[in-house]
Amino acid sequence: MSNSWTEEVKAALAPKGRTLVVTLGSTLRADDGVGPYVCAHVEFHRPDIRLIDAGTTPENIAQTAIDWKPDKVILVDAAHFGGTAGELRVIPLEAVNQQTVLSTHSFPLSVTFSIVKEDTGAELVVVGVQAKSLDYKEGLSAEVEETASKLAGYFNNIGKVADR
């Protein structure tokens, strides 16, 4: 895996108890489609890990997240943090709407997921993928698609039913 799979990123992506993975973004804005791409390429077979694509309206899945009572929520979204295209980085929730995660969402992510965190007590992590382009076009850049494919592979591996 690339250099951006730091120990911090690996720890953020690791499941913990009931784990909810929420992908975000729009397939109509180039690399902002990284979340939907990951969601479309992941299939979990464990009852303790769930995947939801929130698209550009994460507030619409907040109640579903709260009702499921996860121990950990992992958000995957395109971001702009000055890294190289396709780079992964853990982003503090309080920094999400200030300058890092892209604001193609209709309601602030930090507000939506602060509510989820408060109501569930879940650990919440945001993993951003550095976007190369946010142009109004379909398809990911090669760098972001490579990272998205690796993320999907990682999630598929942890989402397998454990042998008993």
Protein backbone atom coordinates (compact mmCIF):
# COMPACT_ATOMS: atom_id res chain seq x y z
CA MET A 1 0.00 0.00 0.00
CA SER A 2 1.12 3.57 -0.56
CA ASN A 3 3.02 5.70 1.92
CA SER A 4 -0.21 7.38 3.00
CA TRP A 5 -1.35 4.18 4.74
CA THR A 6 0.23 5.42 7.97
CA GLU A 7 -0.27 3.76 11.33
CA GLU A 8 -2.78 6.52 12.11
CA VAL A 9 -4.78 5.74 8.95
CA LYS A 10 -4.62 1.98 9.59
CA ALA A 11 -5.87 2.48 13.16
CA ALA A 12 -8.68 4.76 11.94
CA LEU A 13 -9.82 2.17 9.38
CA ALA A 14 -9.70 -0.75 11.82
CA PRO A 15 -13.11 -1.96 12.98
CA LYS A 16 -14.05 -1.86 16.66
CA GLY A 17 -17.14 -3.73 17.85
CA ARG A 18 -20.16 -2.72 15.79
CA THR A 19 -18.56 -0.65 13.05
CA LEU A 20 -20.43 1.57 10.63
CA VAL A 21 -18.62 2.71 7.49
CA VAL A 22 -20.23 5.77 5.90
CA THR A 23 -19.10 6.87 2.45
CA LEU A 24 -19.80 10.37 1.20
CA GLY A 25 -19.62 12.26 -2.08
CA SER A 26 -21.02 12.88 -5.53
CA THR A 27 -20.23 10.82 -8.62
CA LEU A 28 -20.91 13.94 -10.71
CA ARG A 29 -17.91 15.84 -9.29
CA ALA A 30 -14.91 13.76 -10.39
CA ASP A 31 -12.88 12.75 -7.29
CA ASP A 32 -15.70 13.67 -4.93
CA GLY A 33 -17.08 10.31 -6.08
CA VAL A 34 -14.46 8.41 -4.08
CA GLY A 35 -16.98 7.52 -1.35
CA PRO A 36 -19.65 6.14 -3.70
CA TYR A 37 -16.92 4.26 -5.60
CA VAL A 38 -15.74 2.56 -2.39
CA CYS A 39 -19.31 1.74 -1.39
CA ALA A 40 -20.08 0.20 -4.79
CA HIS A 41 -17.03 -2.06 -4.53
CA VAL A 42 -17.46 -3.29 -0.94
CA GLU A 43 -19.61 -6.10 0.39
CA PHE A 44 -19.57 -6.95 4.07
CA HIS A 45 -20.57 -10.42 5.24
CA ARG A 46 -20.32 -9.80 8.97
CA PRO A 47 -23.27 -8.65 11.07
CA ASP A 48 -21.04 -6.35 13.15
CA ILE A 49 -19.90 -4.24 10.18
CA ARG A 50 -22.31 -2.17 8.11
CA LEU A 51 -21.84 0.11 5.10
CA ILE A 52 -23.97 3.08 4.08
CA ASP A 53 -23.41 5.46 1.17
CA ALA A 54 -24.70 8.84 2.35
CA GLY A 55 -23.94 10.58 -0.94
CA THR A 56 -24.20 14.34 -0.52
CA THR A 57 -26.85 14.24 2.21
CA PRO A 58 -25.31 12.54 5.26
CA GLU A 59 -27.95 14.11 7.49
CA ASN A 60 -30.44 11.69 5.90
CA ILE A 61 -28.65 8.67 7.36
CA ALA A 62 -27.96 10.11 10.83
CA GLN A 63 -30.98 8.46 12.45
CA THR A 64 -30.15 5.11 10.83
CA ALA A 65 -26.65 5.40 12.25
CA ILE A 66 -27.97 6.28 15.70
CA ASP A 67 -30.53 3.46 15.67
CA TRP A 68 -27.86 0.88 14.76
CA LYS A 69 -25.83 1.94 17.84
CA PRO A 70 -22.31 1.51 16.46
CA ASP A 71 -19.20 1.42 18.60
CA LYS A 72 -17.24 3.08 15.80
CA VAL A 73 -18.18 5.18 12.78
CA ILE A 74 -15.70 5.54 9.91
CA LEU A 75 -16.40 8.32 7.41
CA VAL A 76 -14.72 8.14 4.00
CA ASP A 77 -14.83 11.29 1.85
CA ALA A 78 -12.84 13.29 -0.66
CA ALA A 79 -10.82 16.05 0.96
CA HIS A 80 -8.49 18.92 0.28
CA PHE A 81 -5.67 19.09 2.79
CA GLY A 82 -2.77 19.99 0.50
CA GLY A 83 -1.55 16.43 0.03
CA THR A 84 -0.86 14.54 -3.18
CA ALA A 85 -3.79 13.20 -5.18
CA GLY A 86 -4.99 9.92 -3.68
CA GLU A 87 -3.26 10.45 -0.34
CA LEU A 88 -5.14 9.27 2.76
CA ARG A 89 -5.28 11.31 5.95
CA VAL A 90 -7.19 11.16 9.22
CA ILE A 91 -9.03 14.44 9.72
CA PRO A 92 -10.24 15.61 13.14
CA LEU A 93 -14.03 16.06 13.18
CA GLU A 94 -13.70 19.66 14.36
CA ALA A 95 -11.62 20.45 11.26
CA VAL A 96 -14.01 18.86 8.78
CA ASN A 97 -15.92 21.96 7.75
CA GLN A 98 -13.15 24.47 8.28
CA GLN A 99 -10.85 23.65 5.41
CA THR A 100 -10.37 19.98 4.76
CA VAL A 101 -13.29 17.82 3.70
CA LEU A 102 -14.94 19.09 0.57
CA SER A 103 -18.22 20.87 1.09
CA THR A 104 -20.41 19.26 -1.55
CA HIS A 105 -22.72 18.16 1.25
CA SER A 106 -25.96 19.97 1.92
CA PHE A 107 -25.50 20.15 5.72
CA PRO A 108 -22.24 20.42 7.69
CA LEU A 109 -20.69 17.00 8.32
CA SER A 110 -19.30 18.09 11.67
CA VAL A 111 -22.79 18.91 12.94
CA THR A 112 -24.42 15.74 11.59
CA PHE A 113 -21.78 13.38 12.95
CA SER A 114 -21.32 15.23 16.24
CA ILE A 115 -24.96 14.35 16.88
CA VAL A 116 -24.36 10.71 15.91
CA LYS A 117 -21.30 10.57 18.16
CA GLU A 118 -23.14 12.18 21.08
CA ASP A 119 -26.21 9.94 20.77
CA THR A 120 -24.27 6.68 20.37
CA GLY A 121 -21.03 7.27 22.25
CA ALA A 122 -19.28 5.83 19.20
CA GLU A 123 -15.69 6.54 18.29
CA LEU A 124 -15.83 8.63 15.13
CA VAL A 125 -13.04 8.93 12.57
CA VAL A 126 -12.90 10.78 9.27
CA VAL A 127 -10.57 9.47 6.59
CA GLY A 128 -10.08 11.90 3.74
CA VAL A 129 -8.76 11.08 0.28
CA GLN A 130 -6.93 14.00 -1.34
CA ALA A 131 -8.85 14.94 -4.49
CA LYS A 132 -7.13 15.89 -7.72
CA SER A 133 -10.22 17.28 -9.47
CA LEU A 134 -13.69 18.40 -8.46
CA ASP A 135 -14.75 19.30 -11.96
CA TYR A 136 -18.31 18.56 -12.97
CA LYS A 137 -17.58 15.26 -14.67
CA GLU A 138 -17.97 11.58 -13.92
CA GLY A 139 -15.06 9.34 -13.07
CA LEU A 140 -12.18 9.44 -10.64
CA SER A 141 -8.64 10.53 -11.44
CA ALA A 142 -6.22 7.61 -11.76
CA GLU A 143 -4.57 8.45 -8.41
CA VAL A 144 -7.84 8.62 -6.47
CA GLU A 145 -9.22 5.51 -8.19
CA GLU A 146 -6.12 3.56 -7.14
CA THR A 147 -6.62 4.61 -3.52
CA ALA A 148 -10.36 3.92 -3.70
CA SER A 149 -9.66 0.44 -5.06
CA LYS A 150 -7.20 -0.23 -2.21
CA LEU A 151 -9.73 1.02 0.34
CA ALA A 152 -12.40 -1.26 -1.12
CA GLY A 153 -9.99 -4.20 -1.00
CA TYR A 154 -9.15 -3.43 2.62
CA PHE A 155 -12.80 -3.19 3.64
CA ASN A 156 -13.70 -6.37 1.74
CA ASN A 157 -10.93 -8.21 3.56
CA ILE A 158 -12.11 -7.13 7.03
CA GLY A 159 -15.74 -7.63 6.03
CA LYS A 160 -15.41 -11.37 5.46
CA VAL A 161 -17.11 -13.74 7.85
CA ALA A 162 -14.50 -15.06 10.24
CA ASP A 163 -13.81 -18.79 10.00
CA ARG A 164 -15.06 -20.66 13.01
